[in-house]
Amino acid sequence: GDMIIQAQKIWKEKKNAGKPICAVFVADVSGSMDGEPLNKLRRSL
């Protein structure tokens, strides 16, 4: 398993070389998210 993980890491590094990810998280904070939904959203992030 360790060898597979290492191979995957090298493959990702080669695949994404020179191409960093740029991501925006878009969080819904409307009234319907109040309470547990928003709490779960916070924990997820």
PDB file of all heavy atoms in Angstrom:
ATOM      1  N   GLY A   1       0.816  -1.212   0.000  1.00  0.00           N
ATOM      2  CA  GLY A   1       0.000   0.000   0.000  1.00  0.00           C
ATOM      3  C   GLY A   1       0.845   1.256   0.000  1.00  0.00           C
ATOM      4  O   GLY A   1       0.535   2.242  -0.671  1.00  0.00           O
ATOM      5  N   ASP A   2       1.969   1.213   0.751  1.00  0.00           N
ATOM      6  CA  ASP A   2       2.855   2.386   0.810  1.00  0.00           C
ATOM      7  C   ASP A   2       3.420   2.715  -0.561  1.00  0.00           C
ATOM      8  O   ASP A   2       3.569   3.886  -0.921  1.00  0.00           O
ATOM      9  CB  ASP A   2       3.999   2.134   1.792  1.00  0.00           C
ATOM     10  CG  ASP A   2       3.532   2.172   3.241  1.00  0.00           C
ATOM     11  OD1 ASP A   2       2.426   2.691   3.486  1.00  0.00           O
ATOM     12  OD2 ASP A   2       4.264   1.681   4.109  1.00  0.00           O
ATOM     13  N   MET A   3       3.756   1.689  -1.331  1.00  0.00           N
ATOM     14  CA  MET A   3       4.314   1.922  -2.663  1.00  0.00           C
ATOM     15  C   MET A   3       3.272   2.555  -3.581  1.00  0.00           C
ATOM     16  O   MET A   3       3.585   3.452  -4.373  1.00  0.00           O
ATOM     17  CB  MET A   3       4.816   0.604  -3.256  1.00  0.00           C
ATOM     18  CG  MET A   3       5.536   0.775  -4.601  1.00  0.00           C
ATOM     19  SD  MET A   3       6.207  -0.781  -5.228  1.00  0.00           S
ATOM     20  CE  MET A   3       7.466  -1.113  -3.986  1.00  0.00           C
ATOM     21  N   ILE A   4       2.029   2.102  -3.465  1.00  0.00           N
ATOM     22  CA  ILE A   4       0.952   2.665  -4.289  1.00  0.00           C
ATOM     23  C   ILE A   4       0.738   4.135  -3.941  1.00  0.00           C
ATOM     24  O   ILE A   4       0.595   4.991  -4.822  1.00  0.00           O
ATOM     25  CB  ILE A   4      -0.349   1.856  -4.090  1.00  0.00           C
ATOM     26  CG1 ILE A   4      -0.186   0.462  -4.685  1.00  0.00           C
ATOM     27  CG2 ILE A   4      -1.533   2.584  -4.739  1.00  0.00           C
ATOM     28  CD1 ILE A   4      -1.340  -0.465  -4.390  1.00  0.00           C
ATOM     29  N   ILE A   5       0.734   4.440  -2.636  1.00  0.00           N
ATOM     30  CA  ILE A   5       0.552   5.830  -2.202  1.00  0.00           C
ATOM     31  C   ILE A   5       1.686   6.711  -2.714  1.00  0.00           C
ATOM     32  O   ILE A   5       1.472   7.829  -3.184  1.00  0.00           O
ATOM     33  CB  ILE A   5       0.462   5.894  -0.660  1.00  0.00           C
ATOM     34  CG1 ILE A   5      -0.846   5.248  -0.189  1.00  0.00           C
ATOM     35  CG2 ILE A   5       0.551   7.342  -0.176  1.00  0.00           C
ATOM     36  CD1 ILE A   5      -0.942   5.070   1.313  1.00  0.00           C
ATOM     37  N   GLN A   6       2.918   6.200  -2.632  1.00  0.00           N
ATOM     38  CA  GLN A   6       4.069   6.971  -3.107  1.00  0.00           C
ATOM     39  C   GLN A   6       3.988   7.198  -4.619  1.00  0.00           C
ATOM     40  O   GLN A   6       4.280   8.294  -5.115  1.00  0.00           O
ATOM     41  CB  GLN A   6       5.370   6.240  -2.754  1.00  0.00           C
ATOM     42  CG  GLN A   6       6.633   7.012  -3.105  1.00  0.00           C
ATOM     43  CD  GLN A   6       6.759   8.312  -2.326  1.00  0.00           C
ATOM     44  OE1 GLN A   6       6.230   8.426  -1.230  1.00  0.00           O
ATOM     45  NE2 GLN A   6       7.457   9.287  -2.886  1.00  0.00           N
ATOM     46  N   ALA A   7       3.573   6.167  -5.356  1.00  0.00           N
ATOM     47  CA  ALA A   7       3.439   6.297  -6.810  1.00  0.00           C
ATOM     48  C   ALA A   7       2.367   7.319  -7.159  1.00  0.00           C
ATOM     49  O   ALA A   7       2.526   8.127  -8.089  1.00  0.00           O
ATOM     50  CB  ALA A   7       3.105   4.942  -7.428  1.00  0.00           C
ATOM     51  N   GLN A   8       1.246   7.293  -6.398  1.00  0.00           N
ATOM     52  CA  GLN A   8       0.178   8.255  -6.641  1.00  0.00           C
ATOM     53  C   GLN A   8       0.664   9.675  -6.375  1.00  0.00           C
ATOM     54  O   GLN A   8       0.354  10.608  -7.124  1.00  0.00           O
ATOM     55  CB  GLN A   8      -1.024   7.943  -5.756  1.00  0.00           C
ATOM     56  CG  GLN A   8      -2.211   8.874  -5.993  1.00  0.00           C
ATOM     57  CD  GLN A   8      -3.315   8.663  -4.984  1.00  0.00           C
ATOM     58  OE1 GLN A   8      -3.065   8.503  -3.799  1.00  0.00           O
ATOM     59  NE2 GLN A   8      -4.553   8.661  -5.448  1.00  0.00           N
ATOM     60  N   LYS A   9       1.456   9.857  -5.316  1.00  0.00           N
ATOM     61  CA  LYS A   9       1.980  11.182  -4.979  1.00  0.00           C
ATOM     62  C   LYS A   9       2.860  11.711  -6.103  1.00  0.00           C
ATOM     63  O   LYS A   9       2.750  12.879  -6.512  1.00  0.00           O
ATOM     64  CB  LYS A   9       2.754  11.108  -3.668  1.00  0.00           C
ATOM     65  CG  LYS A   9       3.338  12.447  -3.226  1.00  0.00           C
ATOM     66  CD  LYS A   9       4.083  12.305  -1.908  1.00  0.00           C
ATOM     67  CE  LYS A   9       4.687  13.639  -1.483  1.00  0.00           C
ATOM     68  NZ  LYS A   9       5.450  13.522  -0.217  1.00  0.00           N
ATOM     69  N   ILE A  10       3.764  10.860  -6.609  1.00  0.00           N
ATOM     70  CA  ILE A  10       4.650  11.285  -7.703  1.00  0.00           C
ATOM     71  C   ILE A  10       3.842  11.608  -8.946  1.00  0.00           C
ATOM     72  O   ILE A  10       4.094  12.608  -9.631  1.00  0.00           O
ATOM     73  CB  ILE A  10       5.679  10.178  -8.004  1.00  0.00           C
ATOM     74  CG1 ILE A  10       6.627  10.015  -6.809  1.00  0.00           C
ATOM     75  CG2 ILE A  10       6.465  10.502  -9.274  1.00  0.00           C
ATOM     76  CD1 ILE A  10       7.542   8.808  -6.913  1.00  0.00           C
ATOM     77  N   TRP A  11       2.813  10.792  -9.242  1.00  0.00           N
ATOM     78  CA  TRP A  11       1.974  11.037 -10.420  1.00  0.00           C
ATOM     79  C   TRP A  11       1.260  12.373 -10.305  1.00  0.00           C
ATOM     80  O   TRP A  11       1.201  13.139 -11.269  1.00  0.00           O
ATOM     81  CB  TRP A  11       0.948   9.910 -10.556  1.00  0.00           C
ATOM     82  CG  TRP A  11      -0.030  10.134 -11.662  1.00  0.00           C
ATOM     83  CD1 TRP A  11       0.165   9.956 -12.998  1.00  0.00           C
ATOM     84  CD2 TRP A  11      -1.385  10.595 -11.521  1.00  0.00           C
ATOM     85  NE1 TRP A  11      -0.980  10.285 -13.691  1.00  0.00           N
ATOM     86  CE2 TRP A  11      -1.933  10.677 -12.821  1.00  0.00           C
ATOM     87  CE3 TRP A  11      -2.169  10.949 -10.427  1.00  0.00           C
ATOM     88  CZ2 TRP A  11      -3.244  11.096 -13.039  1.00  0.00           C
ATOM     89  CZ3 TRP A  11      -3.473  11.358 -10.651  1.00  0.00           C
ATOM     90  CH2 TRP A  11      -3.992  11.428 -11.935  1.00  0.00           C
ATOM     91  N   LYS A  12       0.729  12.676  -9.106  1.00  0.00           N
ATOM     92  CA  LYS A  12       0.037  13.956  -8.914  1.00  0.00           C
ATOM     93  C   LYS A  12       0.982  15.128  -9.092  1.00  0.00           C
ATOM     94  O   LYS A  12       0.632  16.144  -9.683  1.00  0.00           O
ATOM     95  CB  LYS A  12      -0.615  14.013  -7.526  1.00  0.00           C
ATOM     96  CG  LYS A  12      -1.880  13.206  -7.411  1.00  0.00           C
ATOM     97  CD  LYS A  12      -2.609  13.513  -6.122  1.00  0.00           C
ATOM     98  CE  LYS A  12      -1.765  13.202  -4.929  1.00  0.00           C
ATOM     99  NZ  LYS A  12      -2.439  13.518  -3.664  1.00  0.00           N
ATOM    100  N   GLU A  13       2.204  14.986  -8.552  1.00  0.00           N
ATOM    101  CA  GLU A  13       3.172  16.066  -8.670  1.00  0.00           C
ATOM    102  C   GLU A  13       3.502  16.332 -10.132  1.00  0.00           C
ATOM    103  O   GLU A  13       3.614  17.475 -10.571  1.00  0.00           O
ATOM    104  CB  GLU A  13       4.430  15.728  -7.880  1.00  0.00           C
ATOM    105  CG  GLU A  13       4.222  15.774  -6.372  1.00  0.00           C
ATOM    106  CD  GLU A  13       5.421  15.257  -5.614  1.00  0.00           C
ATOM    107  OE1 GLU A  13       6.355  14.728  -6.275  1.00  0.00           O
ATOM    108  OE2 GLU A  13       5.433  15.359  -4.374  1.00  0.00           O
ATOM    109  N   LYS A  14       3.675  15.270 -10.908  1.00  0.00           N
ATOM    110  CA  LYS A  14       3.987  15.427 -12.329  1.00  0.00           C
ATOM    111  C   LYS A  14       2.790  15.987 -13.084  1.00  0.00           C
ATOM    112  O   LYS A  14       2.922  16.873 -13.931  1.00  0.00           O
ATOM    113  CB  LYS A  14       4.389  14.082 -12.932  1.00  0.00           C
ATOM    114  CG  LYS A  14       5.654  13.483 -12.345  1.00  0.00           C
ATOM    115  CD  LYS A  14       6.891  14.296 -12.704  1.00  0.00           C
ATOM    116  CE  LYS A  14       8.157  13.626 -12.212  1.00  0.00           C
ATOM    117  NZ  LYS A  14       9.366  14.414 -12.499  1.00  0.00           N
ATOM    118  N   LYS A  15       1.589  15.471 -12.771  1.00  0.00           N
ATOM    119  CA  LYS A  15       0.376  15.895 -13.483  1.00  0.00           C
ATOM    120  C   LYS A  15       0.090  17.365 -13.255  1.00  0.00           C
ATOM    121  O   LYS A  15      -0.306  18.084 -14.172  1.00  0.00           O
ATOM    122  CB  LYS A  15      -0.825  15.058 -13.010  1.00  0.00           C
ATOM    123  CG  LYS A  15      -2.124  15.382 -13.744  1.00  0.00           C
ATOM    124  CD  LYS A  15      -3.303  14.639 -13.142  1.00  0.00           C
ATOM    125  CE  LYS A  15      -3.721  15.266 -11.844  1.00  0.00           C
ATOM    126  NZ  LYS A  15      -5.098  14.968 -11.441  1.00  0.00           N
ATOM    127  N   ASN A  16       0.294  17.836 -12.021  1.00  0.00           N
ATOM    128  CA  ASN A  16      -0.075  19.206 -11.670  1.00  0.00           C
ATOM    129  C   ASN A  16       1.106  20.172 -11.690  1.00  0.00           C
ATOM    130  O   ASN A  16       0.966  21.307 -11.256  1.00  0.00           O
ATOM    131  CB  ASN A  16      -0.722  19.225 -10.277  1.00  0.00           C
ATOM    132  CG  ASN A  16      -2.086  18.559 -10.282  1.00  0.00           C
ATOM    133  OD1 ASN A  16      -2.801  18.616 -11.275  1.00  0.00           O
ATOM    134  ND2 ASN A  16      -2.428  17.918  -9.183  1.00  0.00           N
ATOM    135  N   ALA A  17       2.255  19.701 -12.195  1.00  0.00           N
ATOM    136  CA  ALA A  17       3.431  20.572 -12.225  1.00  0.00           C
ATOM    137  C   ALA A  17       3.133  21.822 -13.035  1.00  0.00           C
ATOM    138  O   ALA A  17       2.700  21.755 -14.187  1.00  0.00           O
ATOM    139  CB  ALA A  17       4.604  19.813 -12.835  1.00  0.00           C
ATOM    140  N   GLY A  18       3.365  22.981 -12.403  1.00  0.00           N
ATOM    141  CA  GLY A  18       3.139  24.249 -13.102  1.00  0.00           C
ATOM    142  C   GLY A  18       1.684  24.654 -13.188  1.00  0.00           C
ATOM    143  O   GLY A  18       1.367  25.671 -13.783  1.00  0.00           O
ATOM    144  N   LYS A  19       0.778  23.860 -12.590  1.00  0.00           N
ATOM    145  CA  LYS A  19      -0.649  24.164 -12.659  1.00  0.00           C
ATOM    146  C   LYS A  19      -1.268  24.120 -11.271  1.00  0.00           C
ATOM    147  O   LYS A  19      -1.998  23.182 -10.922  1.00  0.00           O
ATOM    148  CB  LYS A  19      -1.375  23.180 -13.581  1.00  0.00           C
ATOM    149  CG  LYS A  19      -0.977  23.304 -15.045  1.00  0.00           C
ATOM    150  CD  LYS A  19      -1.801  22.374 -15.903  1.00  0.00           C
ATOM    151  CE  LYS A  19      -1.458  22.529 -17.374  1.00  0.00           C
ATOM    152  NZ  LYS A  19      -2.281  21.635 -18.232  1.00  0.00           N
ATOM    153  N   PRO A  20      -1.004  25.104 -10.435  1.00  0.00           N
ATOM    154  CA  PRO A  20      -1.617  25.112  -9.102  1.00  0.00           C
ATOM    155  C   PRO A  20      -3.130  25.269  -9.190  1.00  0.00           C
ATOM    156  O   PRO A  20      -3.656  25.870 -10.123  1.00  0.00           O
ATOM    157  CB  PRO A  20      -0.973  26.320  -8.426  1.00  0.00           C
ATOM    158  CG  PRO A  20      -0.513  27.191  -9.548  1.00  0.00           C
ATOM    159  CD  PRO A  20      -0.145  26.264 -10.667  1.00  0.00           C
ATOM    160  N   ILE A  21      -3.817  24.715  -8.195  1.00  0.00           N
ATOM    161  CA  ILE A  21      -5.266  24.831  -8.117  1.00  0.00           C
ATOM    162  C   ILE A  21      -5.630  26.167  -7.493  1.00  0.00           C
ATOM    163  O   ILE A  21      -5.007  26.621  -6.536  1.00  0.00           O
ATOM    164  CB  ILE A  21      -5.859  23.699  -7.262  1.00  0.00           C
ATOM    165  CG1 ILE A  21      -5.568  22.343  -7.900  1.00  0.00           C
ATOM    166  CG2 ILE A  21      -7.365  23.878  -7.075  1.00  0.00           C
ATOM    167  CD1 ILE A  21      -6.183  22.162  -9.265  1.00  0.00           C
ATOM    168  N   CYS A  22      -6.636  26.796  -8.042  1.00  0.00           N
ATOM    169  CA  CYS A  22      -7.174  28.041  -7.490  1.00  0.00           C
ATOM    170  C   CYS A  22      -8.660  27.805  -7.219  1.00  0.00           C
ATOM    171  O   CYS A  22      -9.448  27.651  -8.161  1.00  0.00           O
ATOM    172  CB  CYS A  22      -6.968  29.175  -8.489  1.00  0.00           C
ATOM    173  SG  CYS A  22      -7.409  30.805  -7.877  1.00  0.00           S
ATOM    174  N   ALA A  23      -9.033  27.718  -5.952  1.00  0.00           N
ATOM    175  CA  ALA A  23     -10.397  27.342  -5.584  1.00  0.00           C
ATOM    176  C   ALA A  23     -11.057  28.417  -4.730  1.00  0.00           C
ATOM    177  O   ALA A  23     -10.417  29.029  -3.874  1.00  0.00           O
ATOM    178  CB  ALA A  23     -10.396  26.014  -4.827  1.00  0.00           C
ATOM    179  N   VAL A  24     -12.354  28.622  -4.977  1.00  0.00           N
ATOM    180  CA  VAL A  24     -13.158  29.503  -4.133  1.00  0.00           C
ATOM    181  C   VAL A  24     -14.252  28.677  -3.470  1.00  0.00           C
ATOM    182  O   VAL A  24     -14.997  27.955  -4.150  1.00  0.00           O
ATOM    183  CB  VAL A  24     -13.787  30.650  -4.943  1.00  0.00           C
ATOM    184  CG1 VAL A  24     -14.730  31.470  -4.062  1.00  0.00           C
ATOM    185  CG2 VAL A  24     -12.706  31.552  -5.533  1.00  0.00           C
ATOM    186  N   PHE A  25     -14.319  28.753  -2.146  1.00  0.00           N
ATOM    187  CA  PHE A  25     -15.411  28.143  -1.403  1.00  0.00           C
ATOM    188  C   PHE A  25     -16.538  29.166  -1.289  1.00  0.00           C
ATOM    189  O   PHE A  25     -16.303  30.319  -0.906  1.00  0.00           O
ATOM    190  CB  PHE A  25     -14.944  27.704  -0.017  1.00  0.00           C
ATOM    191  CG  PHE A  25     -14.056  26.498  -0.046  1.00  0.00           C
ATOM    192  CD1 PHE A  25     -12.680  26.630  -0.140  1.00  0.00           C
ATOM    193  CD2 PHE A  25     -14.604  25.222  -0.006  1.00  0.00           C
ATOM    194  CE1 PHE A  25     -11.858  25.516  -0.182  1.00  0.00           C
ATOM    195  CE2 PHE A  25     -13.795  24.098  -0.048  1.00  0.00           C
ATOM    196  CZ  PHE A  25     -12.417  24.241  -0.134  1.00  0.00           C
ATOM    197  N   VAL A  26     -17.753  28.728  -1.626  1.00  0.00           N
ATOM    198  CA  VAL A  26     -18.924  29.600  -1.675  1.00  0.00           C
ATOM    199  C   VAL A  26     -19.917  29.103  -0.626  1.00  0.00           C
ATOM    200  O   VAL A  26     -20.558  28.066  -0.809  1.00  0.00           O
ATOM    201  CB  VAL A  26     -19.552  29.576  -3.087  1.00  0.00           C
ATOM    202  CG1 VAL A  26     -20.773  30.483  -3.149  1.00  0.00           C
ATOM    203  CG2 VAL A  26     -18.524  29.991  -4.142  1.00  0.00           C
ATOM    204  N   ALA A  27     -20.025  29.817   0.484  1.00  0.00           N
ATOM    205  CA  ALA A  27     -20.798  29.350   1.634  1.00  0.00           C
ATOM    206  C   ALA A  27     -22.162  30.038   1.706  1.00  0.00           C
ATOM    207  O   ALA A  27     -22.243  31.267   1.758  1.00  0.00           O
ATOM    208  CB  ALA A  27     -20.026  29.590   2.922  1.00  0.00           C
ATOM    209  N   ASP A  28     -23.207  29.250   1.738  1.00  0.00           N
ATOM    210  CA  ASP A  28     -24.586  29.736   1.887  1.00  0.00           C
ATOM    211  C   ASP A  28     -24.820  30.073   3.361  1.00  0.00           C
ATOM    212  O   ASP A  28     -24.731  29.196   4.223  1.00  0.00           O
ATOM    213  CB  ASP A  28     -25.539  28.636   1.423  1.00  0.00           C
ATOM    214  CG  ASP A  28     -27.012  29.005   1.509  1.00  0.00           C
ATOM    215  OD1 ASP A  28     -27.327  30.069   2.072  1.00  0.00           O
ATOM    216  OD2 ASP A  28     -27.835  28.221   1.021  1.00  0.00           O
ATOM    217  N   VAL A  29     -25.098  31.349   3.651  1.00  0.00           N
ATOM    218  CA  VAL A  29     -25.392  31.762   5.026  1.00  0.00           C
ATOM    219  C   VAL A  29     -26.789  32.387   5.103  1.00  0.00           C
ATOM    220  O   VAL A  29     -27.050  33.269   5.920  1.00  0.00           O
ATOM    221  CB  VAL A  29     -24.322  32.737   5.580  1.00  0.00           C
ATOM    222  CG1 VAL A  29     -23.001  32.027   5.742  1.00  0.00           C
ATOM    223  CG2 VAL A  29     -24.163  33.971   4.684  1.00  0.00           C
ATOM    224  N   SER A  30     -27.697  31.920   4.255  1.00  0.00           N
ATOM    225  CA  SER A  30     -29.076  32.399   4.289  1.00  0.00           C
ATOM    226  C   SER A  30     -29.786  31.871   5.533  1.00  0.00           C
ATOM    227  O   SER A  30     -29.277  30.991   6.239  1.00  0.00           O
ATOM    228  CB  SER A  30     -29.816  31.945   3.027  1.00  0.00           C
ATOM    229  OG  SER A  30     -29.845  30.534   2.947  1.00  0.00           O
ATOM    230  N   GLY A  31     -30.971  32.412   5.803  1.00  0.00           N
ATOM    231  CA  GLY A  31     -31.710  32.045   7.007  1.00  0.00           C
ATOM    232  C   GLY A  31     -32.009  30.566   7.124  1.00  0.00           C
ATOM    233  O   GLY A  31     -32.024  30.008   8.229  1.00  0.00           O
ATOM    234  N   SER A  32     -32.216  29.892   5.977  1.00  0.00           N
ATOM    235  CA  SER A  32     -32.536  28.463   6.015  1.00  0.00           C
ATOM    236  C   SER A  32     -31.340  27.610   6.432  1.00  0.00           C
ATOM    237  O   SER A  32     -31.506  26.427   6.735  1.00  0.00           O
ATOM    238  CB  SER A  32     -33.047  28.002   4.640  1.00  0.00           C
ATOM    239  OG  SER A  32     -32.084  28.248   3.631  1.00  0.00           O
ATOM    240  N   MET A  33     -30.159  28.202   6.460  1.00  0.00           N
ATOM    241  CA  MET A  33     -28.960  27.474   6.901  1.00  0.00           C
ATOM    242  C   MET A  33     -28.714  27.632   8.397  1.00  0.00           C
ATOM    243  O   MET A  33     -27.766  27.053   8.939  1.00  0.00           O
ATOM    244  CB  MET A  33     -27.734  27.978   6.135  1.00  0.00           C
ATOM    245  CG  MET A  33     -27.700  27.594   4.673  1.00  0.00           C
ATOM    246  SD  MET A  33     -27.404  25.826   4.419  1.00  0.00           S
ATOM    247  CE  MET A  33     -25.707  25.691   4.975  1.00  0.00           C
ATOM    248  N   ASP A  34     -29.535  28.409   9.095  1.00  0.00           N
ATOM    249  CA  ASP A  34     -29.311  28.686  10.513  1.00  0.00           C
ATOM    250  C   ASP A  34     -29.358  27.396  11.326  1.00  0.00           C
ATOM    251  O   ASP A  34     -30.127  26.481  11.042  1.00  0.00           O
ATOM    252  CB  ASP A  34     -30.366  29.669  11.023  1.00  0.00           C
ATOM    253  CG  ASP A  34     -29.984  30.267  12.370  1.00  0.00           C
ATOM    254  OD1 ASP A  34     -28.780  30.315  12.670  1.00  0.00           O
ATOM    255  OD2 ASP A  34     -30.887  30.678  13.119  1.00  0.00           O
ATOM    256  N   GLY A  35     -28.531  27.334  12.354  1.00  0.00           N
ATOM    257  CA  GLY A  35     -28.536  26.169  13.230  1.00  0.00           C
ATOM    258  C   GLY A  35     -27.584  25.090  12.751  1.00  0.00           C
ATOM    259  O   GLY A  35     -26.456  25.360  12.337  1.00  0.00           O
ATOM    260  N   GLU A  36     -28.050  23.833  12.769  1.00  0.00           N
ATOM    261  CA  GLU A  36     -27.184  22.699  12.482  1.00  0.00           C
ATOM    262  C   GLU A  36     -26.597  22.702  11.072  1.00  0.00           C
ATOM    263  O   GLU A  36     -25.423  22.350  10.898  1.00  0.00           O
ATOM    264  CB  GLU A  36     -27.933  21.387  12.737  1.00  0.00           C
ATOM    265  CG  GLU A  36     -27.057  20.147  12.626  1.00  0.00           C
ATOM    266  CD  GLU A  36     -25.864  20.158  13.587  1.00  0.00           C
ATOM    267  OE1 GLU A  36     -25.878  20.906  14.585  1.00  0.00           O
ATOM    268  OE2 GLU A  36     -24.906  19.400  13.333  1.00  0.00           O
ATOM    269  N   PRO A  37     -27.363  23.106  10.016  1.00  0.00           N
ATOM    270  CA  PRO A  37     -26.731  23.133   8.684  1.00  0.00           C
ATOM    271  C   PRO A  37     -25.484  24.008   8.635  1.00  0.00           C
ATOM    272  O   PRO A  37     -24.453  23.594   8.093  1.00  0.00           O
ATOM    273  CB  PRO A  37     -27.845  23.665   7.777  1.00  0.00           C
ATOM    274  CG  PRO A  37     -29.108  23.246   8.447  1.00  0.00           C
ATOM    275  CD  PRO A  37     -28.817  23.376   9.926  1.00  0.00           C
ATOM    276  N   LEU A  38     -25.558  25.211   9.203  1.00  0.00           N
ATOM    277  CA  LEU A  38     -24.398  26.098   9.183  1.00  0.00           C
ATOM    278  C   LEU A  38     -23.281  25.562  10.080  1.00  0.00           C
ATOM    279  O   LEU A  38     -22.092  25.676   9.745  1.00  0.00           O
ATOM    280  CB  LEU A  38     -24.782  27.518   9.604  1.00  0.00           C
ATOM    281  CG  LEU A  38     -23.658  28.560   9.512  1.00  0.00           C
ATOM    282  CD1 LEU A  38     -23.079  28.637   8.110  1.00  0.00           C
ATOM    283  CD2 LEU A  38     -24.176  29.934   9.950  1.00  0.00           C
ATOM    284  N   ASN A  39     -23.653  24.959  11.203  1.00  0.00           N
ATOM    285  CA  ASN A  39     -22.634  24.359  12.068  1.00  0.00           C
ATOM    286  C   ASN A  39     -21.881  23.251  11.335  1.00  0.00           C
ATOM    287  O   ASN A  39     -20.649  23.145  11.424  1.00  0.00           O
ATOM    288  CB  ASN A  39     -23.276  23.787  13.340  1.00  0.00           C
ATOM    289  CG  ASN A  39     -23.767  24.873  14.287  1.00  0.00           C
ATOM    290  OD1 ASN A  39     -23.274  25.998  14.256  1.00  0.00           O
ATOM    291  ND2 ASN A  39     -24.736  24.538  15.119  1.00  0.00           N
ATOM    292  N   LYS A  40     -22.618  22.422  10.592  1.00  0.00           N
ATOM    293  CA  LYS A  40     -21.987  21.348   9.831  1.00  0.00           C
ATOM    294  C   LYS A  40     -21.127  21.915   8.710  1.00  0.00           C
ATOM    295  O   LYS A  40     -20.045  21.396   8.417  1.00  0.00           O
ATOM    296  CB  LYS A  40     -23.052  20.408   9.266  1.00  0.00           C
ATOM    297  CG  LYS A  40     -23.751  19.571  10.313  1.00  0.00           C
ATOM    298  CD  LYS A  40     -24.873  18.729   9.731  1.00  0.00           C
ATOM    299  CE  LYS A  40     -24.368  17.624   8.854  1.00  0.00           C
ATOM    300  NZ  LYS A  40     -25.472  16.744   8.378  1.00  0.00           N
ATOM    301  N   LEU A  41     -21.585  22.987   8.073  1.00  0.00           N
ATOM    302  CA  LEU A  41     -20.805  23.635   7.023  1.00  0.00           C
ATOM    303  C   LEU A  41     -19.479  24.127   7.585  1.00  0.00           C
ATOM    304  O   LEU A  41     -18.405  23.909   7.003  1.00  0.00           O
ATOM    305  CB  LEU A  41     -21.608  24.784   6.418  1.00  0.00           C
ATOM    306  CG  LEU A  41     -21.005  25.562   5.233  1.00  0.00           C
ATOM    307  CD1 LEU A  41     -22.117  26.215   4.416  1.00  0.00           C
ATOM    308  CD2 LEU A  41     -20.020  26.636   5.682  1.00  0.00           C
ATOM    309  N   ARG A  42     -19.541  24.791   8.741  1.00  0.00           N
ATOM    310  CA  ARG A  42     -18.302  25.286   9.364  1.00  0.00           C
ATOM    311  C   ARG A  42     -17.344  24.140   9.653  1.00  0.00           C
ATOM    312  O   ARG A  42     -16.143  24.220   9.380  1.00  0.00           O
ATOM    313  CB  ARG A  42     -18.630  26.022  10.667  1.00  0.00           C
ATOM    314  CG  ARG A  42     -19.322  27.361  10.521  1.00  0.00           C
ATOM    315  CD  ARG A  42     -19.233  28.115  11.853  1.00  0.00           C
ATOM    316  NE  ARG A  42     -20.188  29.208  11.933  1.00  0.00           N
ATOM    317  CZ  ARG A  42     -21.363  29.136  12.542  1.00  0.00           C
ATOM    318  NH1 ARG A  42     -21.737  28.014  13.139  1.00  0.00           N
ATOM    319  NH2 ARG A  42     -22.164  30.178  12.577  1.00  0.00           N
ATOM    320  N   ARG A  43     -17.872  23.049  10.224  1.00  0.00           N
ATOM    321  CA  ARG A  43     -17.009  21.916  10.566  1.00  0.00           C
ATOM    322  C   ARG A  43     -16.377  21.318   9.309  1.00  0.00           C
ATOM    323  O   ARG A  43     -15.198  20.928   9.322  1.00  0.00           O
ATOM    324  CB  ARG A  43     -17.815  20.840  11.310  1.00  0.00           C
ATOM    325  CG  ARG A  43     -18.160  21.224  12.747  1.00  0.00           C
ATOM    326  CD  ARG A  43     -18.569  20.006  13.561  1.00  0.00           C
ATOM    327  NE  ARG A  43     -19.757  19.355  13.037  1.00  0.00           N
ATOM    328  CZ  ARG A  43     -21.012  19.673  13.379  1.00  0.00           C
ATOM    329  NH1 ARG A  43     -21.235  20.663  14.250  1.00  0.00           N
ATOM    330  NH2 ARG A  43     -22.034  19.030  12.868  1.00  0.00           N
ATOM    331  N   SER A  44     -17.148  21.248   8.234  1.00  0.00           N
ATOM    332  CA  SER A  44     -16.625  20.701   6.983  1.00  0.00           C
ATOM    333  C   SER A  44     -15.415  21.492   6.504  1.00  0.00           C
ATOM    334  O   SER A  44     -14.394  20.923   6.097  1.00  0.00           O
ATOM    335  CB  SER A  44     -17.699  20.729   5.890  1.00  0.00           C
ATOM    336  OG  SER A  44     -18.798  19.930   6.219  1.00  0.00           O
ATOM    337  N   LEU A  45     -15.516  22.820   6.546  1.00  0.00           N
ATOM    338  CA  LEU A  45     -14.425  23.661   6.053  1.00  0.00           C
ATOM    339  C   LEU A  45     -13.244  23.686   7.013  1.00  0.00           C
ATOM    340  O   LEU A  45     -12.089  23.639   6.579  1.00  0.00           O
ATOM    341  CB  LEU A  45     -14.934  25.083   5.799  1.00  0.00           C
ATOM    342  CG  LEU A  45     -15.912  25.239   4.638  1.00  0.00           C
ATOM    343  CD1 LEU A  45     -16.321  26.697   4.470  1.00  0.00           C
ATOM    344  CD2 LEU A  45     -15.296  24.716   3.339  1.00  0.00           C
TER     345      LEU A  45
END
